[in-house]
Amino acid sequence: HTPEAAPIPVSVPAPVKPQVDISISLQESGLVMVETSRDKASMPPTAEPEVRLGRRPKSPAVTNSEPLMQVETHK
């Protein structure tokens, strides 16, 4: 049995992505690029106490422990 040589890894160059200038497309379409200020975007929300609106939820219905009975009705 002869030991096999380890395969030599072949490096494949990464495909070059073409640089696209979107400013031309924006001008042609009439759009404007807007960037949010990092100061405003990184501010944590202020901690405000939770305000409960509306009425309180109903208390759960009381269930009887008696056995159920089937009632037939006729019109």
PDB file of N, CA and C in Angstrom:
ATOM      1  N   HIS A   1       0.855  -1.176   0.000  1.00  0.00           N
ATOM      2  CA  HIS A   1       0.000   0.000   0.000  1.00  0.00           C
ATOM      3  C   HIS A   1       0.893   1.228   0.000  1.00  0.00           C
ATOM      4  N   THR A   2       0.693   2.150  -0.943  1.00  0.00           N
ATOM      5  CA  THR A   2       1.532   3.342  -1.021  1.00  0.00           C
ATOM      6  C   THR A   2       0.763   4.528  -0.474  1.00  0.00           C
ATOM      7  N   PRO A   3       1.402   5.351   0.335  1.00  0.00           N
ATOM      8  CA  PRO A   3       0.696   6.535   0.859  1.00  0.00           C
ATOM      9  C   PRO A   3       0.440   7.537  -0.264  1.00  0.00           C
ATOM     10  N   GLU A   4      -0.772   8.052  -0.264  1.00  0.00           N
ATOM     11  CA  GLU A   4      -1.141   9.027  -1.299  1.00  0.00           C
ATOM     12  C   GLU A   4      -0.736  10.421  -0.844  1.00  0.00           C
ATOM     13  N   ALA A   5      -0.314  11.216  -1.779  1.00  0.00           N
ATOM     14  CA  ALA A   5       0.066  12.590  -1.461  1.00  0.00           C
ATOM     15  C   ALA A   5      -1.193  13.415  -1.252  1.00  0.00           C
ATOM     16  N   ALA A   6      -1.148  14.304  -0.291  1.00  0.00           N
ATOM     17  CA  ALA A   6      -2.293  15.176  -0.022  1.00  0.00           C
ATOM     18  C   ALA A   6      -2.495  16.103  -1.209  1.00  0.00           C
ATOM     19  N   PRO A   7      -3.745  16.321  -1.617  1.00  0.00           N
ATOM     20  CA  PRO A   7      -3.976  17.219  -2.758  1.00  0.00           C
ATOM     21  C   PRO A   7      -3.540  18.642  -2.420  1.00  0.00           C
ATOM     22  N   ILE A   8      -2.964  19.292  -3.384  1.00  0.00           N
ATOM     23  CA  ILE A   8      -2.503  20.666  -3.197  1.00  0.00           C
ATOM     24  C   ILE A   8      -3.690  21.596  -3.424  1.00  0.00           C
ATOM     25  N   PRO A   9      -4.018  22.440  -2.415  1.00  0.00           N
ATOM     26  CA  PRO A   9      -5.149  23.363  -2.604  1.00  0.00           C
ATOM     27  C   PRO A   9      -4.812  24.408  -3.667  1.00  0.00           C
ATOM     28  N   VAL A  10      -5.748  24.624  -4.536  1.00  0.00           N
ATOM     29  CA  VAL A  10      -5.579  25.596  -5.611  1.00  0.00           C
ATOM     30  C   VAL A  10      -6.358  26.836  -5.218  1.00  0.00           C
ATOM     31  N   SER A  11      -5.686  27.968  -5.189  1.00  0.00           N
ATOM     32  CA  SER A  11      -6.374  29.205  -4.828  1.00  0.00           C
ATOM     33  C   SER A  11      -6.984  29.820  -6.080  1.00  0.00           C
ATOM     34  N   VAL A  12      -8.271  30.084  -5.988  1.00  0.00           N
ATOM     35  CA  VAL A  12      -9.000  30.681  -7.096  1.00  0.00           C
ATOM     36  C   VAL A  12      -9.196  32.151  -6.757  1.00  0.00           C
ATOM     37  N   PRO A  13      -8.786  33.046  -7.634  1.00  0.00           N
ATOM     38  CA  PRO A  13      -8.965  34.468  -7.316  1.00  0.00           C
ATOM     39  C   PRO A  13     -10.452  34.818  -7.248  1.00  0.00           C
ATOM     40  N   ALA A  14     -10.776  35.662  -6.278  1.00  0.00           N
ATOM     41  CA  ALA A  14     -12.166  36.084  -6.112  1.00  0.00           C
ATOM     42  C   ALA A  14     -12.575  36.932  -7.304  1.00  0.00           C
ATOM     43  N   PRO A  15     -13.809  36.758  -7.774  1.00  0.00           N
ATOM     44  CA  PRO A  15     -14.253  37.574  -8.909  1.00  0.00           C
ATOM     45  C   PRO A  15     -14.303  39.048  -8.519  1.00  0.00           C
ATOM     46  N   VAL A  16     -13.896  39.882  -9.421  1.00  0.00           N
ATOM     47  CA  VAL A  16     -13.874  41.314  -9.177  1.00  0.00           C
ATOM     48  C   VAL A  16     -15.255  41.875  -9.486  1.00  0.00           C
ATOM     49  N   LYS A  17     -15.846  42.517  -8.477  1.00  0.00           N
ATOM     50  CA  LYS A  17     -17.161  43.128  -8.682  1.00  0.00           C
ATOM     51  C   LYS A  17     -16.970  44.500  -9.317  1.00  0.00           C
ATOM     52  N   PRO A  18     -17.743  44.791 -10.330  1.00  0.00           N
ATOM     53  CA  PRO A  18     -17.608  46.111 -10.948  1.00  0.00           C
ATOM     54  C   PRO A  18     -18.130  47.194 -10.002  1.00  0.00           C
ATOM     55  N   GLN A  19     -17.423  48.301  -9.955  1.00  0.00           N
ATOM     56  CA  GLN A  19     -17.844  49.423  -9.128  1.00  0.00           C
ATOM     57  C   GLN A  19     -18.983  50.152  -9.837  1.00  0.00           C
ATOM     58  N   VAL A  20     -20.075  50.329  -9.136  1.00  0.00           N
ATOM     59  CA  VAL A  20     -21.249  50.961  -9.716  1.00  0.00           C
ATOM     60  C   VAL A  20     -21.432  52.319  -9.060  1.00  0.00           C
ATOM     61  N   ASP A  21     -21.573  53.345  -9.867  1.00  0.00           N
ATOM     62  CA  ASP A  21     -21.825  54.688  -9.353  1.00  0.00           C
ATOM     63  C   ASP A  21     -23.329  54.920  -9.397  1.00  0.00           C
ATOM     64  N   ILE A  22     -23.967  54.876  -8.225  1.00  0.00           N
ATOM     65  CA  ILE A  22     -25.427  55.005  -8.198  1.00  0.00           C
ATOM     66  C   ILE A  22     -25.886  56.448  -8.282  1.00  0.00           C
ATOM     67  N   SER A  23     -24.958  57.401  -8.163  1.00  0.00           N
ATOM     68  CA  SER A  23     -25.374  58.803  -8.212  1.00  0.00           C
ATOM     69  C   SER A  23     -25.994  59.145  -9.562  1.00  0.00           C
ATOM     70  N   ILE A  24     -25.522  58.526 -10.629  1.00  0.00           N
ATOM     71  CA  ILE A  24     -26.089  58.786 -11.964  1.00  0.00           C
ATOM     72  C   ILE A  24     -27.531  58.284 -12.014  1.00  0.00           C
ATOM     73  N   SER A  25     -27.752  57.077 -11.496  1.00  0.00           N
ATOM     74  CA  SER A  25     -29.109  56.522 -11.490  1.00  0.00           C
ATOM     75  C   SER A  25     -30.037  57.360 -10.623  1.00  0.00           C
ATOM     76  N   LEU A  26     -29.521  57.848  -9.490  1.00  0.00           N
ATOM     77  CA  LEU A  26     -30.346  58.682  -8.614  1.00  0.00           C
ATOM     78  C   LEU A  26     -30.732  59.984  -9.304  1.00  0.00           C
ATOM     79  N   GLN A  27     -29.786  60.604  -9.994  1.00  0.00           N
ATOM     80  CA  GLN A  27     -30.087  61.858 -10.687  1.00  0.00           C
ATOM     81  C   GLN A  27     -31.090  61.641 -11.811  1.00  0.00           C
ATOM     82  N   GLU A  28     -30.949  60.539 -12.542  1.00  0.00           N
ATOM     83  CA  GLU A  28     -31.866  60.261 -13.647  1.00  0.00           C
ATOM     84  C   GLU A  28     -33.280  60.002 -13.147  1.00  0.00           C
ATOM     85  N   SER A  29     -33.401  59.351 -11.986  1.00  0.00           N
ATOM     86  CA  SER A  29     -34.731  59.018 -11.476  1.00  0.00           C
ATOM     87  C   SER A  29     -35.323  60.133 -10.624  1.00  0.00           C
ATOM     88  N   GLY A  30     -34.522  61.140 -10.268  1.00  0.00           N
ATOM     89  CA  GLY A  30     -35.035  62.244  -9.470  1.00  0.00           C
ATOM     90  C   GLY A  30     -35.039  61.948  -7.977  1.00  0.00           C
ATOM     91  N   LEU A  31     -34.351  60.889  -7.557  1.00  0.00           N
ATOM     92  CA  LEU A  31     -34.301  60.543  -6.139  1.00  0.00           C
ATOM     93  C   LEU A  31     -33.129  61.239  -5.463  1.00  0.00           C
ATOM     94  N   VAL A  32     -33.228  61.369  -4.138  1.00  0.00           N
ATOM     95  CA  VAL A  32     -32.182  62.014  -3.361  1.00  0.00           C
ATOM     96  C   VAL A  32     -31.728  61.045  -2.282  1.00  0.00           C
ATOM     97  N   MET A  33     -30.415  60.854  -2.126  1.00  0.00           N
ATOM     98  CA  MET A  33     -29.874  59.974  -1.092  1.00  0.00           C
ATOM     99  C   MET A  33     -29.864  60.736   0.237  1.00  0.00           C
ATOM    100  N   VAL A  34     -30.437  60.130   1.268  1.00  0.00           N
ATOM    101  CA  VAL A  34     -30.517  60.748   2.587  1.00  0.00           C
ATOM    102  C   VAL A  34     -29.832  59.824   3.580  1.00  0.00           C
ATOM    103  N   GLU A  35     -29.020  60.384   4.472  1.00  0.00           N
ATOM    104  CA  GLU A  35     -28.332  59.582   5.481  1.00  0.00           C
ATOM    105  C   GLU A  35     -28.748  60.070   6.859  1.00  0.00           C
ATOM    106  N   THR A  36     -29.063  59.125   7.748  1.00  0.00           N
ATOM    107  CA  THR A  36     -29.456  59.460   9.109  1.00  0.00           C
ATOM    108  C   THR A  36     -28.217  59.781   9.924  1.00  0.00           C
ATOM    109  N   SER A  37     -28.327  60.792  10.773  1.00  0.00           N
ATOM    110  CA  SER A  37     -27.219  61.154  11.648  1.00  0.00           C
ATOM    111  C   SER A  37     -26.952  60.026  12.628  1.00  0.00           C
ATOM    112  N   ARG A  38     -25.706  59.639  12.799  1.00  0.00           N
ATOM    113  CA  ARG A  38     -25.361  58.549  13.716  1.00  0.00           C
ATOM    114  C   ARG A  38     -25.687  58.920  15.162  1.00  0.00           C
ATOM    115  N   ASP A  39     -25.622  60.215  15.509  1.00  0.00           N
ATOM    116  CA  ASP A  39     -25.935  60.638  16.873  1.00  0.00           C
ATOM    117  C   ASP A  39     -27.391  60.351  17.209  1.00  0.00           C
ATOM    118  N   LYS A  40     -28.284  60.640  16.282  1.00  0.00           N
ATOM    119  CA  LYS A  40     -29.711  60.422  16.527  1.00  0.00           C
ATOM    120  C   LYS A  40     -30.065  58.943  16.476  1.00  0.00           C
ATOM    121  N   ALA A  41     -29.416  58.198  15.599  1.00  0.00           N
ATOM    122  CA  ALA A  41     -29.741  56.788  15.432  1.00  0.00           C
ATOM    123  C   ALA A  41     -29.243  55.943  16.597  1.00  0.00           C
ATOM    124  N   SER A  42     -28.159  56.347  17.260  1.00  0.00           N
ATOM    125  CA  SER A  42     -27.587  55.519  18.317  1.00  0.00           C
ATOM    126  C   SER A  42     -28.117  55.857  19.702  1.00  0.00           C
ATOM    127  N   MET A  43     -28.958  56.876  19.830  1.00  0.00           N
ATOM    128  CA  MET A  43     -29.488  57.240  21.145  1.00  0.00           C
ATOM    129  C   MET A  43     -30.476  56.183  21.622  1.00  0.00           C
ATOM    130  N   PRO A  44     -30.295  55.680  22.861  1.00  0.00           N
ATOM    131  CA  PRO A  44     -31.256  54.704  23.378  1.00  0.00           C
ATOM    132  C   PRO A  44     -32.584  55.388  23.682  1.00  0.00           C
ATOM    133  N   PRO A  45     -33.682  54.671  23.559  1.00  0.00           N
ATOM    134  CA  PRO A  45     -34.979  55.283  23.862  1.00  0.00           C
ATOM    135  C   PRO A  45     -35.061  55.639  25.342  1.00  0.00           C
ATOM    136  N   THR A  46     -35.754  56.716  25.619  1.00  0.00           N
ATOM    137  CA  THR A  46     -35.894  57.144  27.009  1.00  0.00           C
ATOM    138  C   THR A  46     -36.852  56.215  27.736  1.00  0.00           C
ATOM    139  N   ALA A  47     -36.550  55.952  28.990  1.00  0.00           N
ATOM    140  CA  ALA A  47     -37.382  55.051  29.790  1.00  0.00           C
ATOM    141  C   ALA A  47     -38.534  55.847  30.394  1.00  0.00           C
ATOM    142  N   GLU A  48     -39.731  55.608  29.899  1.00  0.00           N
ATOM    143  CA  GLU A  48     -40.916  56.277  30.417  1.00  0.00           C
ATOM    144  C   GLU A  48     -41.770  55.245  31.129  1.00  0.00           C
ATOM    145  N   PRO A  49     -42.432  55.636  32.194  1.00  0.00           N
ATOM    146  CA  PRO A  49     -43.306  54.668  32.864  1.00  0.00           C
ATOM    147  C   PRO A  49     -44.445  54.260  31.936  1.00  0.00           C
ATOM    148  N   GLU A  50     -44.809  53.008  32.015  1.00  0.00           N
ATOM    149  CA  GLU A  50     -45.859  52.483  31.149  1.00  0.00           C
ATOM    150  C   GLU A  50     -47.211  53.037  31.594  1.00  0.00           C
ATOM    151  N   VAL A  51     -47.932  53.625  30.663  1.00  0.00           N
ATOM    152  CA  VAL A  51     -49.246  54.182  30.954  1.00  0.00           C
ATOM    153  C   VAL A  51     -50.284  53.169  30.504  1.00  0.00           C
ATOM    154  N   ARG A  52     -51.108  52.747  31.418  1.00  0.00           N
ATOM    155  CA  ARG A  52     -52.147  51.771  31.082  1.00  0.00           C
ATOM    156  C   ARG A  52     -53.398  52.527  30.662  1.00  0.00           C
ATOM    157  N   LEU A  53     -53.852  52.242  29.479  1.00  0.00           N
ATOM    158  CA  LEU A  53     -55.043  52.894  28.958  1.00  0.00           C
ATOM    159  C   LEU A  53     -56.205  51.919  28.953  1.00  0.00           C
ATOM    160  N   GLY A  54     -57.392  52.452  28.924  1.00  0.00           N
ATOM    161  CA  GLY A  54     -58.575  51.610  28.823  1.00  0.00           C
ATOM    162  C   GLY A  54     -59.000  51.050  30.166  1.00  0.00           C
ATOM    163  N   ARG A  55     -59.950  50.158  30.109  1.00  0.00           N
ATOM    164  CA  ARG A  55     -60.470  49.588  31.341  1.00  0.00           C
ATOM    165  C   ARG A  55     -59.734  48.309  31.701  1.00  0.00           C
ATOM    166  N   ARG A  56     -59.921  47.894  32.933  1.00  0.00           N
ATOM    167  CA  ARG A  56     -59.266  46.685  33.417  1.00  0.00           C
ATOM    168  C   ARG A  56     -59.909  45.463  32.775  1.00  0.00           C
ATOM    169  N   PRO A  57     -59.154  44.399  32.569  1.00  0.00           N
ATOM    170  CA  PRO A  57     -59.744  43.181  32.006  1.00  0.00           C
ATOM    171  C   PRO A  57     -60.694  42.529  33.001  1.00  0.00           C
ATOM    172  N   LYS A  58     -61.694  41.824  32.464  1.00  0.00           N
ATOM    173  CA  LYS A  58     -62.660  41.141  33.318  1.00  0.00           C
ATOM    174  C   LYS A  58     -61.972  40.039  34.101  1.00  0.00           C
ATOM    175  N   SER A  59     -62.505  39.790  35.300  1.00  0.00           N
ATOM    176  CA  SER A  59     -61.971  38.682  36.080  1.00  0.00           C
ATOM    177  C   SER A  59     -62.445  37.382  35.438  1.00  0.00           C
ATOM    178  N   PRO A  60     -61.704  36.293  35.603  1.00  0.00           N
ATOM    179  CA  PRO A  60     -62.105  35.035  34.979  1.00  0.00           C
ATOM    180  C   PRO A  60     -63.457  34.561  35.511  1.00  0.00           C
ATOM    181  N   ALA A  61     -64.221  33.924  34.636  1.00  0.00           N
ATOM    182  CA  ALA A  61     -65.553  33.444  35.011  1.00  0.00           C
ATOM    183  C   ALA A  61     -65.427  32.323  36.038  1.00  0.00           C
ATOM    184  N   VAL A  62     -66.364  32.303  36.981  1.00  0.00           N
ATOM    185  CA  VAL A  62     -66.367  31.275  38.012  1.00  0.00           C
ATOM    186  C   VAL A  62     -67.042  30.041  37.435  1.00  0.00           C
ATOM    187  N   THR A  63     -66.387  28.903  37.530  1.00  0.00           N
ATOM    188  CA  THR A  63     -66.965  27.667  37.013  1.00  0.00           C
ATOM    189  C   THR A  63     -67.466  26.827  38.176  1.00  0.00           C
ATOM    190  N   ASN A  64     -68.632  26.244  37.968  1.00  0.00           N
ATOM    191  CA  ASN A  64     -69.207  25.385  39.003  1.00  0.00           C
ATOM    192  C   ASN A  64     -68.612  23.990  38.885  1.00  0.00           C
ATOM    193  N   SER A  65     -68.572  23.300  40.003  1.00  0.00           N
ATOM    194  CA  SER A  65     -68.016  21.953  39.983  1.00  0.00           C
ATOM    195  C   SER A  65     -69.100  20.896  39.801  1.00  0.00           C
ATOM    196  N   GLU A  66     -70.354  21.316  39.536  1.00  0.00           N
ATOM    197  CA  GLU A  66     -71.434  20.346  39.340  1.00  0.00           C
ATOM    198  C   GLU A  66     -71.287  19.699  37.968  1.00  0.00           C
ATOM    199  N   PRO A  67     -71.804  18.505  37.807  1.00  0.00           N
ATOM    200  CA  PRO A  67     -71.722  17.849  36.499  1.00  0.00           C
ATOM    201  C   PRO A  67     -72.599  18.578  35.471  1.00  0.00           C
ATOM    202  N   LEU A  68     -72.190  18.527  34.236  1.00  0.00           N
ATOM    203  CA  LEU A  68     -72.937  19.183  33.170  1.00  0.00           C
ATOM    204  C   LEU A  68     -74.148  18.348  32.789  1.00  0.00           C
ATOM    205  N   MET A  69     -75.200  19.049  32.325  1.00  0.00           N
ATOM    206  CA  MET A  69     -76.422  18.359  31.910  1.00  0.00           C
ATOM    207  C   MET A  69     -76.753  18.806  30.498  1.00  0.00           C
ATOM    208  N   GLN A  70     -77.243  17.886  29.686  1.00  0.00           N
ATOM    209  CA  GLN A  70     -77.624  18.202  28.324  1.00  0.00           C
ATOM    210  C   GLN A  70     -79.098  18.577  28.321  1.00  0.00           C
ATOM    211  N   VAL A  71     -79.415  19.701  27.697  1.00  0.00           N
ATOM    212  CA  VAL A  71     -80.789  20.181  27.644  1.00  0.00           C
ATOM    213  C   VAL A  71     -81.201  20.234  26.185  1.00  0.00           C
ATOM    214  N   GLU A  72     -82.340  19.618  25.851  1.00  0.00           N
ATOM    215  CA  GLU A  72     -82.850  19.658  24.491  1.00  0.00           C
ATOM    216  C   GLU A  72     -83.867  20.779  24.385  1.00  0.00           C
ATOM    217  N   THR A  73     -83.776  21.534  23.317  1.00  0.00           N
ATOM    218  CA  THR A  73     -84.729  22.620  23.098  1.00  0.00           C
ATOM    219  C   THR A  73     -85.429  22.396  21.771  1.00  0.00           C
ATOM    220  N   HIS A  74     -86.686  22.792  21.713  1.00  0.00           N
ATOM    221  CA  HIS A  74     -87.478  22.679  20.485  1.00  0.00           C
ATOM    222  C   HIS A  74     -88.043  24.044  20.168  1.00  0.00           C
ATOM    223  N   LYS A  75     -88.123  24.338  18.883  1.00  0.00           N
ATOM    224  CA  LYS A  75     -88.728  25.602  18.481  1.00  0.00           C
ATOM    225  C   LYS A  75     -90.136  25.383  18.048  1.00  0.00           C
TER     226      LYS A  75
END
